[in-house]
Amino acid sequence: MPWFMLFVAIIAEVIGTSVLKSTEGFTRLWPSVIVVIAYETAFILLSLCLKKIPVGIVYAVWSGVGVALITLVAWIFLDQPLDAPALAGLALIVGGVVIINGFSKTTTE
């Protein structure tokens, strides 16, 4: 269950970050509401994950997967270009998360 909550926290954070530009500095109501709810959901679920998964692992997975997903969302939906170095960096981030989850003995308590 903590890994599922972490996954949902990541998705909520990606939604909040994706909508953040639409708030226009928090001057538009509904995009601002979406951002606040998404970030609140992300942080609540993130804190619940910490009951079972060490903070370093949670943060590494949350930030790594979040960065990769928000970059892909920006590329696909917001027409932001990705060049070869950006793709290589994303591959390294995802690879690091895979190594932590697949090989580290510290992923669960």
PDB file of N, CA and C in Angstrom:
ATOM      1  N   MET A   1       0.801  -1.208   0.000  1.00  0.00           N
ATOM      2  CA  MET A   1       0.000   0.000   0.000  1.00  0.00           C
ATOM      3  C   MET A   1       0.851   1.283   0.000  1.00  0.00           C
ATOM      4  N   PRO A   2       1.985   1.335   0.713  1.00  0.00           N
ATOM      5  CA  PRO A   2       2.771   2.574   0.685  1.00  0.00           C
ATOM      6  C   PRO A   2       3.306   2.900  -0.705  1.00  0.00           C
ATOM      7  N   TRP A   3       3.642   1.875  -1.489  1.00  0.00           N
ATOM      8  CA  TRP A   3       4.143   2.134  -2.840  1.00  0.00           C
ATOM      9  C   TRP A   3       3.035   2.655  -3.740  1.00  0.00           C
ATOM     10  N   PHE A   4       1.816   2.177  -3.553  1.00  0.00           N
ATOM     11  CA  PHE A   4       0.681   2.699  -4.308  1.00  0.00           C
ATOM     12  C   PHE A   4       0.431   4.160  -3.945  1.00  0.00           C
ATOM     13  N   MET A   5       0.489   4.465  -2.639  1.00  0.00           N
ATOM     14  CA  MET A   5       0.316   5.853  -2.201  1.00  0.00           C
ATOM     15  C   MET A   5       1.413   6.747  -2.777  1.00  0.00           C
ATOM     16  N   LEU A   6       2.626   6.233  -2.856  1.00  0.00           N
ATOM     17  CA  LEU A   6       3.718   7.000  -3.444  1.00  0.00           C
ATOM     18  C   LEU A   6       3.439   7.270  -4.927  1.00  0.00           C
ATOM     19  N   PHE A   7       2.955   6.263  -5.643  1.00  0.00           N
ATOM     20  CA  PHE A   7       2.608   6.432  -7.049  1.00  0.00           C
ATOM     21  C   PHE A   7       1.533   7.509  -7.227  1.00  0.00           C
ATOM     22  N   VAL A   8       0.497   7.465  -6.396  1.00  0.00           N
ATOM     23  CA  VAL A   8      -0.576   8.466  -6.478  1.00  0.00           C
ATOM     24  C   VAL A   8      -0.035   9.848  -6.113  1.00  0.00           C
ATOM     25  N   ALA A   9       0.866   9.919  -5.130  1.00  0.00           N
ATOM     26  CA  ALA A   9       1.479  11.198  -4.754  1.00  0.00           C
ATOM     27  C   ALA A   9       2.255  11.786  -5.932  1.00  0.00           C
ATOM     28  N   ILE A  10       2.964  10.938  -6.642  1.00  0.00           N
ATOM     29  CA  ILE A  10       3.726  11.393  -7.810  1.00  0.00           C
ATOM     30  C   ILE A  10       2.787  11.922  -8.884  1.00  0.00           C
ATOM     31  N   ILE A  11       1.718  11.210  -9.143  1.00  0.00           N
ATOM     32  CA  ILE A  11       0.745  11.637 -10.158  1.00  0.00           C
ATOM     33  C   ILE A  11       0.112  12.971  -9.745  1.00  0.00           C
ATOM     34  N   ALA A  12      -0.240  13.113  -8.463  1.00  0.00           N
ATOM     35  CA  ALA A  12      -0.827  14.366  -7.982  1.00  0.00           C
ATOM     36  C   ALA A  12       0.153  15.522  -8.145  1.00  0.00           C
ATOM     37  N   GLU A  13       1.420  15.279  -7.842  1.00  0.00           N
ATOM     38  CA  GLU A  13       2.443  16.321  -7.984  1.00  0.00           C
ATOM     39  C   GLU A  13       2.621  16.706  -9.449  1.00  0.00           C
ATOM     40  N   VAL A  14       2.592  15.745 -10.337  1.00  0.00           N
ATOM     41  CA  VAL A  14       2.729  16.016 -11.769  1.00  0.00           C
ATOM     42  C   VAL A  14       1.525  16.818 -12.272  1.00  0.00           C
ATOM     43  N   ILE A  15       0.350  16.488 -11.810  1.00  0.00           N
ATOM     44  CA  ILE A  15      -0.852  17.256 -12.185  1.00  0.00           C
ATOM     45  C   ILE A  15      -0.714  18.695 -11.701  1.00  0.00           C
ATOM     46  N   GLY A  16      -0.344  18.873 -10.432  1.00  0.00           N
ATOM     47  CA  GLY A  16      -0.182  20.215  -9.887  1.00  0.00           C
ATOM     48  C   GLY A  16       0.852  21.028 -10.638  1.00  0.00           C
ATOM     49  N   THR A  17       1.980  20.421 -10.930  1.00  0.00           N
ATOM     50  CA  THR A  17       3.039  21.119 -11.646  1.00  0.00           C
ATOM     51  C   THR A  17       2.627  21.436 -13.077  1.00  0.00           C
ATOM     52  N   SER A  18       1.893  20.539 -13.703  1.00  0.00           N
ATOM     53  CA  SER A  18       1.435  20.756 -15.079  1.00  0.00           C
ATOM     54  C   SER A  18       0.473  21.933 -15.182  1.00  0.00           C
ATOM     55  N   VAL A  19      -0.334  22.129 -14.161  1.00  0.00           N
ATOM     56  CA  VAL A  19      -1.349  23.182 -14.173  1.00  0.00           C
ATOM     57  C   VAL A  19      -0.795  24.505 -13.631  1.00  0.00           C
ATOM     58  N   LEU A  20       0.357  24.460 -12.985  1.00  0.00           N
ATOM     59  CA  LEU A  20       0.898  25.631 -12.297  1.00  0.00           C
ATOM     60  C   LEU A  20       1.006  26.867 -13.188  1.00  0.00           C
ATOM     61  N   LYS A  21       1.461  26.703 -14.413  1.00  0.00           N
ATOM     62  CA  LYS A  21       1.591  27.860 -15.320  1.00  0.00           C
ATOM     63  C   LYS A  21       0.232  28.489 -15.613  1.00  0.00           C
ATOM     64  N   SER A  22      -0.807  27.666 -15.669  1.00  0.00           N
ATOM     65  CA  SER A  22      -2.159  28.161 -15.967  1.00  0.00           C
ATOM     66  C   SER A  22      -2.724  29.053 -14.867  1.00  0.00           C
ATOM     67  N   THR A  23      -2.136  29.013 -13.678  1.00  0.00           N
ATOM     68  CA  THR A  23      -2.646  29.856 -12.590  1.00  0.00           C
ATOM     69  C   THR A  23      -2.325  31.323 -12.816  1.00  0.00           C
ATOM     70  N   GLU A  24      -1.334  31.582 -13.693  1.00  0.00           N
ATOM     71  CA  GLU A  24      -0.878  32.948 -13.964  1.00  0.00           C
ATOM     72  C   GLU A  24      -0.578  33.685 -12.662  1.00  0.00           C
ATOM     73  N   GLY A  25       0.310  33.065 -11.873  1.00  0.00           N
ATOM     74  CA  GLY A  25       0.704  33.669 -10.600  1.00  0.00           C
ATOM     75  C   GLY A  25      -0.386  33.598  -9.548  1.00  0.00           C
ATOM     76  N   PHE A  26      -1.186  32.563  -9.595  1.00  0.00           N
ATOM     77  CA  PHE A  26      -2.319  32.345  -8.693  1.00  0.00           C
ATOM     78  C   PHE A  26      -3.347  33.472  -8.786  1.00  0.00           C
ATOM     79  N   THR A  27      -3.527  34.005  -9.983  1.00  0.00           N
ATOM     80  CA  THR A  27      -4.552  35.021 -10.213  1.00  0.00           C
ATOM     81  C   THR A  27      -5.807  34.422 -10.851  1.00  0.00           C
ATOM     82  N   ARG A  28      -5.735  33.180 -11.297  1.00  0.00           N
ATOM     83  CA  ARG A  28      -6.894  32.493 -11.877  1.00  0.00           C
ATOM     84  C   ARG A  28      -7.375  31.445 -10.879  1.00  0.00           C
ATOM     85  N   LEU A  29      -8.656  31.506 -10.543  1.00  0.00           N
ATOM     86  CA  LEU A  29      -9.203  30.697  -9.452  1.00  0.00           C
ATOM     87  C   LEU A  29      -9.095  29.198  -9.679  1.00  0.00           C
ATOM     88  N   TRP A  30      -9.693  28.672 -10.729  1.00  0.00           N
ATOM     89  CA  TRP A  30      -9.807  27.218 -10.863  1.00  0.00           C
ATOM     90  C   TRP A  30      -8.477  26.517 -11.096  1.00  0.00           C
ATOM     91  N   PRO A  31      -7.597  27.041 -11.921  1.00  0.00           N
ATOM     92  CA  PRO A  31      -6.282  26.402 -11.985  1.00  0.00           C
ATOM     93  C   PRO A  31      -5.552  26.450 -10.642  1.00  0.00           C
ATOM     94  N   SER A  32      -5.725  27.543  -9.900  1.00  0.00           N
ATOM     95  CA  SER A  32      -5.096  27.658  -8.581  1.00  0.00           C
ATOM     96  C   SER A  32      -5.653  26.619  -7.614  1.00  0.00           C
ATOM     97  N   VAL A  33      -6.952  26.401  -7.666  1.00  0.00           N
ATOM     98  CA  VAL A  33      -7.587  25.394  -6.806  1.00  0.00           C
ATOM     99  C   VAL A  33      -7.043  24.005  -7.140  1.00  0.00           C
ATOM    100  N   ILE A  34      -6.925  23.707  -8.418  1.00  0.00           N
ATOM    101  CA  ILE A  34      -6.391  22.403  -8.840  1.00  0.00           C
ATOM    102  C   ILE A  34      -4.968  22.218  -8.327  1.00  0.00           C
ATOM    103  N   VAL A  35      -4.136  23.243  -8.444  1.00  0.00           N
ATOM    104  CA  VAL A  35      -2.743  23.154  -7.986  1.00  0.00           C
ATOM    105  C   VAL A  35      -2.690  22.907  -6.482  1.00  0.00           C
ATOM    106  N   VAL A  36      -3.465  23.656  -5.719  1.00  0.00           N
ATOM    107  CA  VAL A  36      -3.444  23.511  -4.259  1.00  0.00           C
ATOM    108  C   VAL A  36      -3.915  22.114  -3.851  1.00  0.00           C
ATOM    109  N   ILE A  37      -4.995  21.645  -4.442  1.00  0.00           N
ATOM    110  CA  ILE A  37      -5.510  20.306  -4.112  1.00  0.00           C
ATOM    111  C   ILE A  37      -4.511  19.227  -4.515  1.00  0.00           C
ATOM    112  N   ALA A  38      -3.919  19.369  -5.688  1.00  0.00           N
ATOM    113  CA  ALA A  38      -2.961  18.362  -6.163  1.00  0.00           C
ATOM    114  C   ALA A  38      -1.733  18.307  -5.262  1.00  0.00           C
ATOM    115  N   TYR A  39      -1.176  19.465  -4.914  1.00  0.00           N
ATOM    116  CA  TYR A  39       0.003  19.476  -4.041  1.00  0.00           C
ATOM    117  C   TYR A  39      -0.338  19.005  -2.631  1.00  0.00           C
ATOM    118  N   GLU A  40      -1.505  19.391  -2.128  1.00  0.00           N
ATOM    119  CA  GLU A  40      -1.920  18.932  -0.800  1.00  0.00           C
ATOM    120  C   GLU A  40      -2.047  17.406  -0.790  1.00  0.00           C
ATOM    121  N   THR A  41      -2.661  16.861  -1.810  1.00  0.00           N
ATOM    122  CA  THR A  41      -2.787  15.405  -1.929  1.00  0.00           C
ATOM    123  C   THR A  41      -1.420  14.750  -1.996  1.00  0.00           C
ATOM    124  N   ALA A  42      -0.526  15.310  -2.792  1.00  0.00           N
ATOM    125  CA  ALA A  42       0.817  14.747  -2.945  1.00  0.00           C
ATOM    126  C   ALA A  42       1.552  14.716  -1.614  1.00  0.00           C
ATOM    127  N   PHE A  43       1.519  15.814  -0.874  1.00  0.00           N
ATOM    128  CA  PHE A  43       2.273  15.868   0.380  1.00  0.00           C
ATOM    129  C   PHE A  43       1.658  15.007   1.478  1.00  0.00           C
ATOM    130  N   ILE A  44       0.341  14.918   1.523  1.00  0.00           N
ATOM    131  CA  ILE A  44      -0.298  14.038   2.511  1.00  0.00           C
ATOM    132  C   ILE A  44       0.088  12.588   2.229  1.00  0.00           C
ATOM    133  N   LEU A  45      -0.039  12.166   0.973  1.00  0.00           N
ATOM    134  CA  LEU A  45       0.308  10.785   0.631  1.00  0.00           C
ATOM    135  C   LEU A  45       1.801  10.522   0.817  1.00  0.00           C
ATOM    136  N   LEU A  46       2.615  11.508   0.494  1.00  0.00           N
ATOM    137  CA  LEU A  46       4.050  11.372   0.690  1.00  0.00           C
ATOM    138  C   LEU A  46       4.365  11.145   2.164  1.00  0.00           C
ATOM    139  N   SER A  47       3.718  11.897   3.026  1.00  0.00           N
ATOM    140  CA  SER A  47       3.969  11.733   4.463  1.00  0.00           C
ATOM    141  C   SER A  47       3.506  10.367   4.967  1.00  0.00           C
ATOM    142  N   LEU A  48       2.421   9.847   4.391  1.00  0.00           N
ATOM    143  CA  LEU A  48       1.944   8.516   4.793  1.00  0.00           C
ATOM    144  C   LEU A  48       2.908   7.412   4.349  1.00  0.00           C
ATOM    145  N   CYS A  49       3.542   7.603   3.208  1.00  0.00           N
ATOM    146  CA  CYS A  49       4.524   6.629   2.727  1.00  0.00           C
ATOM    147  C   CYS A  49       5.691   6.484   3.692  1.00  0.00           C
ATOM    148  N   LEU A  50       6.015   7.572   4.356  1.00  0.00           N
ATOM    149  CA  LEU A  50       7.177   7.583   5.242  1.00  0.00           C
ATOM    150  C   LEU A  50       6.993   6.700   6.481  1.00  0.00           C
ATOM    151  N   LYS A  51       5.782   6.229   6.721  1.00  0.00           N
ATOM    152  CA  LYS A  51       5.554   5.298   7.828  1.00  0.00           C
ATOM    153  C   LYS A  51       6.181   3.933   7.552  1.00  0.00           C
ATOM    154  N   LYS A  52       6.336   3.576   6.270  1.00  0.00           N
ATOM    155  CA  LYS A  52       6.828   2.249   5.898  1.00  0.00           C
ATOM    156  C   LYS A  52       8.092   2.254   5.044  1.00  0.00           C
ATOM    157  N   ILE A  53       8.355   3.351   4.354  1.00  0.00           N
ATOM    158  CA  ILE A  53       9.503   3.412   3.444  1.00  0.00           C
ATOM    159  C   ILE A  53      10.443   4.516   3.932  1.00  0.00           C
ATOM    160  N   PRO A  54      11.746   4.272   3.962  1.00  0.00           N
ATOM    161  CA  PRO A  54      12.694   5.295   4.437  1.00  0.00           C
ATOM    162  C   PRO A  54      12.621   6.582   3.609  1.00  0.00           C
ATOM    163  N   VAL A  55      12.839   7.706   4.280  1.00  0.00           N
ATOM    164  CA  VAL A  55      12.687   9.018   3.661  1.00  0.00           C
ATOM    165  C   VAL A  55      13.592   9.189   2.431  1.00  0.00           C
ATOM    166  N   GLY A  56      14.807   8.695   2.479  1.00  0.00           N
ATOM    167  CA  GLY A  56      15.709   8.832   1.339  1.00  0.00           C
ATOM    168  C   GLY A  56      15.193   8.122   0.104  1.00  0.00           C
ATOM    169  N   ILE A  57      14.621   6.962   0.301  1.00  0.00           N
ATOM    170  CA  ILE A  57      14.072   6.183  -0.812  1.00  0.00           C
ATOM    171  C   ILE A  57      12.818   6.862  -1.354  1.00  0.00           C
ATOM    172  N   VAL A  58      11.923   7.268  -0.449  1.00  0.00           N
ATOM    173  CA  VAL A  58      10.692   7.936  -0.877  1.00  0.00           C
ATOM    174  C   VAL A  58      11.028   9.179  -1.684  1.00  0.00           C
ATOM    175  N   TYR A  59      11.946   9.982  -1.175  1.00  0.00           N
ATOM    176  CA  TYR A  59      12.256  11.232  -1.862  1.00  0.00           C
ATOM    177  C   TYR A  59      12.960  10.978  -3.191  1.00  0.00           C
ATOM    178  N   ALA A  60      13.841  10.000  -3.228  1.00  0.00           N
ATOM    179  CA  ALA A  60      14.534   9.691  -4.483  1.00  0.00           C
ATOM    180  C   ALA A  60      13.543   9.245  -5.552  1.00  0.00           C
ATOM    181  N   VAL A  61      12.627   8.365  -5.189  1.00  0.00           N
ATOM    182  CA  VAL A  61      11.644   7.872  -6.154  1.00  0.00           C
ATOM    183  C   VAL A  61      10.678   8.992  -6.533  1.00  0.00           C
ATOM    184  N   TRP A  62      10.170   9.720  -5.537  1.00  0.00           N
ATOM    185  CA  TRP A  62       9.202  10.792  -5.791  1.00  0.00           C
ATOM    186  C   TRP A  62       9.799  11.867  -6.697  1.00  0.00           C
ATOM    187  N   SER A  63      10.970  12.318  -6.367  1.00  0.00           N
ATOM    188  CA  SER A  63      11.558  13.388  -7.170  1.00  0.00           C
ATOM    189  C   SER A  63      12.022  12.883  -8.536  1.00  0.00           C
ATOM    190  N   GLY A  64      12.641  11.710  -8.583  1.00  0.00           N
ATOM    191  CA  GLY A  64      13.132  11.177  -9.853  1.00  0.00           C
ATOM    192  C   GLY A  64      12.028  10.884 -10.837  1.00  0.00           C
ATOM    193  N   VAL A  65      11.048  10.148 -10.397  1.00  0.00           N
ATOM    194  CA  VAL A  65       9.930   9.808 -11.285  1.00  0.00           C
ATOM    195  C   VAL A  65       9.126  11.069 -11.609  1.00  0.00           C
ATOM    196  N   GLY A  66       8.965  11.947 -10.615  1.00  0.00           N
ATOM    197  CA  GLY A  66       8.241  13.201 -10.854  1.00  0.00           C
ATOM    198  C   GLY A  66       8.907  14.053 -11.916  1.00  0.00           C
ATOM    199  N   VAL A  67      10.239  14.198 -11.830  1.00  0.00           N
ATOM    200  CA  VAL A  67      10.975  14.983 -12.830  1.00  0.00           C
ATOM    201  C   VAL A  67      10.813  14.365 -14.217  1.00  0.00           C
ATOM    202  N   ALA A  68      10.953  13.056 -14.297  1.00  0.00           N
ATOM    203  CA  ALA A  68      10.827  12.390 -15.592  1.00  0.00           C
ATOM    204  C   ALA A  68       9.418  12.561 -16.161  1.00  0.00           C
ATOM    205  N   LEU A  69       8.402  12.363 -15.326  1.00  0.00           N
ATOM    206  CA  LEU A  69       7.025  12.474 -15.820  1.00  0.00           C
ATOM    207  C   LEU A  69       6.660  13.901 -16.208  1.00  0.00           C
ATOM    208  N   ILE A  70       7.044  14.880 -15.395  1.00  0.00           N
ATOM    209  CA  ILE A  70       6.676  16.254 -15.734  1.00  0.00           C
ATOM    210  C   ILE A  70       7.404  16.704 -17.000  1.00  0.00           C
ATOM    211  N   THR A  71       8.608  16.217 -17.201  1.00  0.00           N
ATOM    212  CA  THR A  71       9.324  16.547 -18.435  1.00  0.00           C
ATOM    213  C   THR A  71       8.615  15.943 -19.638  1.00  0.00           C
ATOM    214  N   LEU A  72       8.160  14.699 -19.509  1.00  0.00           N
ATOM    215  CA  LEU A  72       7.430  14.068 -20.608  1.00  0.00           C
ATOM    216  C   LEU A  72       6.088  14.752 -20.855  1.00  0.00           C
ATOM    217  N   VAL A  73       5.393  15.134 -19.793  1.00  0.00           N
ATOM    218  CA  VAL A  73       4.120  15.848 -19.944  1.00  0.00           C
ATOM    219  C   VAL A  73       4.350  17.179 -20.661  1.00  0.00           C
ATOM    220  N   ALA A  74       5.392  17.896 -20.250  1.00  0.00           N
ATOM    221  CA  ALA A  74       5.703  19.184 -20.894  1.00  0.00           C
ATOM    222  C   ALA A  74       6.052  18.984 -22.368  1.00  0.00           C
ATOM    223  N   TRP A  75       6.750  17.915 -22.669  1.00  0.00           N
ATOM    224  CA  TRP A  75       7.137  17.613 -24.051  1.00  0.00           C
ATOM    225  C   TRP A  75       5.913  17.268 -24.904  1.00  0.00           C
ATOM    226  N   ILE A  76       5.053  16.408 -24.373  1.00  0.00           N
ATOM    227  CA  ILE A  76       3.907  15.918 -25.136  1.00  0.00           C
ATOM    228  C   ILE A  76       2.773  16.944 -25.206  1.00  0.00           C
ATOM    229  N   PHE A  77       2.423  17.549 -24.067  1.00  0.00           N
ATOM    230  CA  PHE A  77       1.230  18.395 -24.014  1.00  0.00           C
ATOM    231  C   PHE A  77       1.513  19.897 -24.079  1.00  0.00           C
ATOM    232  N   LEU A  78       2.711  20.316 -23.708  1.00  0.00           N
ATOM    233  CA  LEU A  78       3.019  21.743 -23.675  1.00  0.00           C
ATOM    234  C   LEU A  78       4.013  22.151 -24.751  1.00  0.00           C
ATOM    235  N   ASP A  79       4.310  21.230 -25.664  1.00  0.00           N
ATOM    236  CA  ASP A  79       5.181  21.495 -26.813  1.00  0.00           C
ATOM    237  C   ASP A  79       6.560  22.033 -26.428  1.00  0.00           C
ATOM    238  N   GLN A  80       7.089  21.558 -25.315  1.00  0.00           N
ATOM    239  CA  GLN A  80       8.442  21.944 -24.937  1.00  0.00           C
ATOM    240  C   GLN A  80       9.413  20.911 -25.494  1.00  0.00           C
ATOM    241  N   PRO A  81      10.403  21.373 -26.250  1.00  0.00           N
ATOM    242  CA  PRO A  81      11.306  20.430 -26.920  1.00  0.00           C
ATOM    243  C   PRO A  81      12.250  19.722 -25.950  1.00  0.00           C
ATOM    244  N   LEU A  82      12.623  18.501 -26.308  1.00  0.00           N
ATOM    245  CA  LEU A  82      13.629  17.734 -25.577  1.00  0.00           C
ATOM    246  C   LEU A  82      14.732  17.367 -26.554  1.00  0.00           C
ATOM    247  N   ASP A  83      15.953  17.732 -26.220  1.00  0.00           N
ATOM    248  CA  ASP A  83      17.077  17.359 -27.077  1.00  0.00           C
ATOM    249  C   ASP A  83      17.745  16.098 -26.523  1.00  0.00           C
ATOM    250  N   ALA A  84      18.778  15.642 -27.200  1.00  0.00           N
ATOM    251  CA  ALA A  84      19.456  14.402 -26.809  1.00  0.00           C
ATOM    252  C   ALA A  84      20.010  14.453 -25.381  1.00  0.00           C
ATOM    253  N   PRO A  85      20.671  15.540 -24.958  1.00  0.00           N
ATOM    254  CA  PRO A  85      21.144  15.566 -23.574  1.00  0.00           C
ATOM    255  C   PRO A  85      20.010  15.491 -22.541  1.00  0.00           C
ATOM    256  N   ALA A  86      18.877  16.119 -22.838  1.00  0.00           N
ATOM    257  CA  ALA A  86      17.734  16.041 -21.925  1.00  0.00           C
ATOM    258  C   ALA A  86      17.210  14.612 -21.827  1.00  0.00           C
ATOM    259  N   LEU A  87      17.112  13.937 -22.958  1.00  0.00           N
ATOM    260  CA  LEU A  87      16.661  12.540 -22.954  1.00  0.00           C
ATOM    261  C   LEU A  87      17.650  11.640 -22.222  1.00  0.00           C
ATOM    262  N   ALA A  88      18.943  11.886 -22.411  1.00  0.00           N
ATOM    263  CA  ALA A  88      19.962  11.107 -21.704  1.00  0.00           C
ATOM    264  C   ALA A  88      19.853  11.330 -20.201  1.00  0.00           C
ATOM    265  N   GLY A  89      19.648  12.571 -19.793  1.00  0.00           N
ATOM    266  CA  GLY A  89      19.487  12.867 -18.371  1.00  0.00           C
ATOM    267  C   GLY A  89      18.272  12.184 -17.781  1.00  0.00           C
ATOM    268  N   LEU A  90      17.172  12.195 -18.514  1.00  0.00           N
ATOM    269  CA  LEU A  90      15.965  11.495 -18.046  1.00  0.00           C
ATOM    270  C   LEU A  90      16.216  10.001 -17.906  1.00  0.00           C
ATOM    271  N   ALA A  91      16.933   9.428 -18.862  1.00  0.00           N
ATOM    272  CA  ALA A  91      17.257   7.997 -18.793  1.00  0.00           C
ATOM    273  C   ALA A  91      18.095   7.696 -17.547  1.00  0.00           C
ATOM    274  N   LEU A  92      19.026   8.573 -17.226  1.00  0.00           N
ATOM    275  CA  LEU A  92      19.841   8.374 -16.024  1.00  0.00           C
ATOM    276  C   LEU A  92      19.003   8.479 -14.752  1.00  0.00           C
ATOM    277  N   ILE A  93      18.071   9.433 -14.717  1.00  0.00           N
ATOM    278  CA  ILE A  93      17.198   9.570 -13.557  1.00  0.00           C
ATOM    279  C   ILE A  93      16.352   8.319 -13.369  1.00  0.00           C
ATOM    280  N   VAL A  94      15.708   7.877 -14.434  1.00  0.00           N
ATOM    281  CA  VAL A  94      14.871   6.674 -14.359  1.00  0.00           C
ATOM    282  C   VAL A  94      15.728   5.461 -14.012  1.00  0.00           C
ATOM    283  N   GLY A  95      16.931   5.376 -14.585  1.00  0.00           N
ATOM    284  CA  GLY A  95      17.828   4.278 -14.257  1.00  0.00           C
ATOM    285  C   GLY A  95      18.198   4.263 -12.782  1.00  0.00           C
ATOM    286  N   GLY A  96      18.416   5.425 -12.217  1.00  0.00           N
ATOM    287  CA  GLY A  96      18.725   5.515 -10.790  1.00  0.00           C
ATOM    288  C   GLY A  96      17.583   5.026  -9.930  1.00  0.00           C
ATOM    289  N   VAL A  97      16.364   5.383 -10.297  1.00  0.00           N
ATOM    290  CA  VAL A  97      15.190   4.921  -9.549  1.00  0.00           C
ATOM    291  C   VAL A  97      15.053   3.406  -9.662  1.00  0.00           C
ATOM    292  N   VAL A  98      15.279   2.880 -10.844  1.00  0.00           N
ATOM    293  CA  VAL A  98      15.206   1.422 -11.048  1.00  0.00           C
ATOM    294  C   VAL A  98      16.265   0.718 -10.204  1.00  0.00           C
ATOM    295  N   ILE A  99      17.474   1.246 -10.168  1.00  0.00           N
ATOM    296  CA  ILE A  99      18.546   0.631  -9.373  1.00  0.00           C
ATOM    297  C   ILE A  99      18.189   0.656  -7.891  1.00  0.00           C
ATOM    298  N   ILE A 100      17.684   1.792  -7.413  1.00  0.00           N
ATOM    299  CA  ILE A 100      17.295   1.877  -6.001  1.00  0.00           C
ATOM    300  C   ILE A 100      16.236   0.840  -5.672  1.00  0.00           C
ATOM    301  N   ASN A 101      15.206   0.763  -6.494  1.00  0.00           N
ATOM    302  CA  ASN A 101      14.101  -0.161  -6.207  1.00  0.00           C
ATOM    303  C   ASN A 101      14.457  -1.616  -6.454  1.00  0.00           C
ATOM    304  N   GLY A 102      15.302  -1.863  -7.432  1.00  0.00           N
ATOM    305  CA  GLY A 102      15.607  -3.247  -7.776  1.00  0.00           C
ATOM    306  C   GLY A 102      16.728  -3.869  -6.974  1.00  0.00           C
ATOM    307  N   PHE A 103      17.662  -3.066  -6.499  1.00  0.00           N
ATOM    308  CA  PHE A 103      18.860  -3.632  -5.899  1.00  0.00           C
ATOM    309  C   PHE A 103      19.163  -3.174  -4.480  1.00  0.00           C
ATOM    310  N   SER A 104      18.585  -2.061  -4.036  1.00  0.00           N
ATOM    311  CA  SER A 104      18.909  -1.555  -2.714  1.00  0.00           C
ATOM    312  C   SER A 104      18.191  -2.355  -1.634  1.00  0.00           C
ATOM    313  N   LYS A 105      18.893  -2.623  -0.572  1.00  0.00           N
ATOM    314  CA  LYS A 105      18.302  -3.335   0.578  1.00  0.00           C
ATOM    315  C   LYS A 105      17.588  -2.372   1.506  1.00  0.00           C
ATOM    316  N   THR A 106      17.639  -1.061   1.223  1.00  0.00           N
ATOM    317  CA  THR A 106      17.022  -0.082   2.096  1.00  0.00           C
ATOM    318  C   THR A 106      15.662   0.394   1.622  1.00  0.00           C
ATOM    319  N   THR A 107      15.064  -0.287   0.654  1.00  0.00           N
ATOM    320  CA  THR A 107      13.805   0.203   0.101  1.00  0.00           C
ATOM    321  C   THR A 107      12.614  -0.003   1.017  1.00  0.00           C
ATOM    322  N   THR A 108      12.682  -0.923   1.951  1.00  0.00           N
ATOM    323  CA  THR A 108      11.572  -1.096   2.905  1.00  0.00           C
ATOM    324  C   THR A 108      12.136  -1.369   4.287  1.00  0.00           C
ATOM    325  N   GLU A 109      11.337  -1.035   5.267  1.00  0.00           N
ATOM    326  CA  GLU A 109      11.755  -1.283   6.660  1.00  0.00           C
ATOM    327  C   GLU A 109      11.186  -2.593   7.152  1.00  0.00           C
TER     328      GLU A 109
END
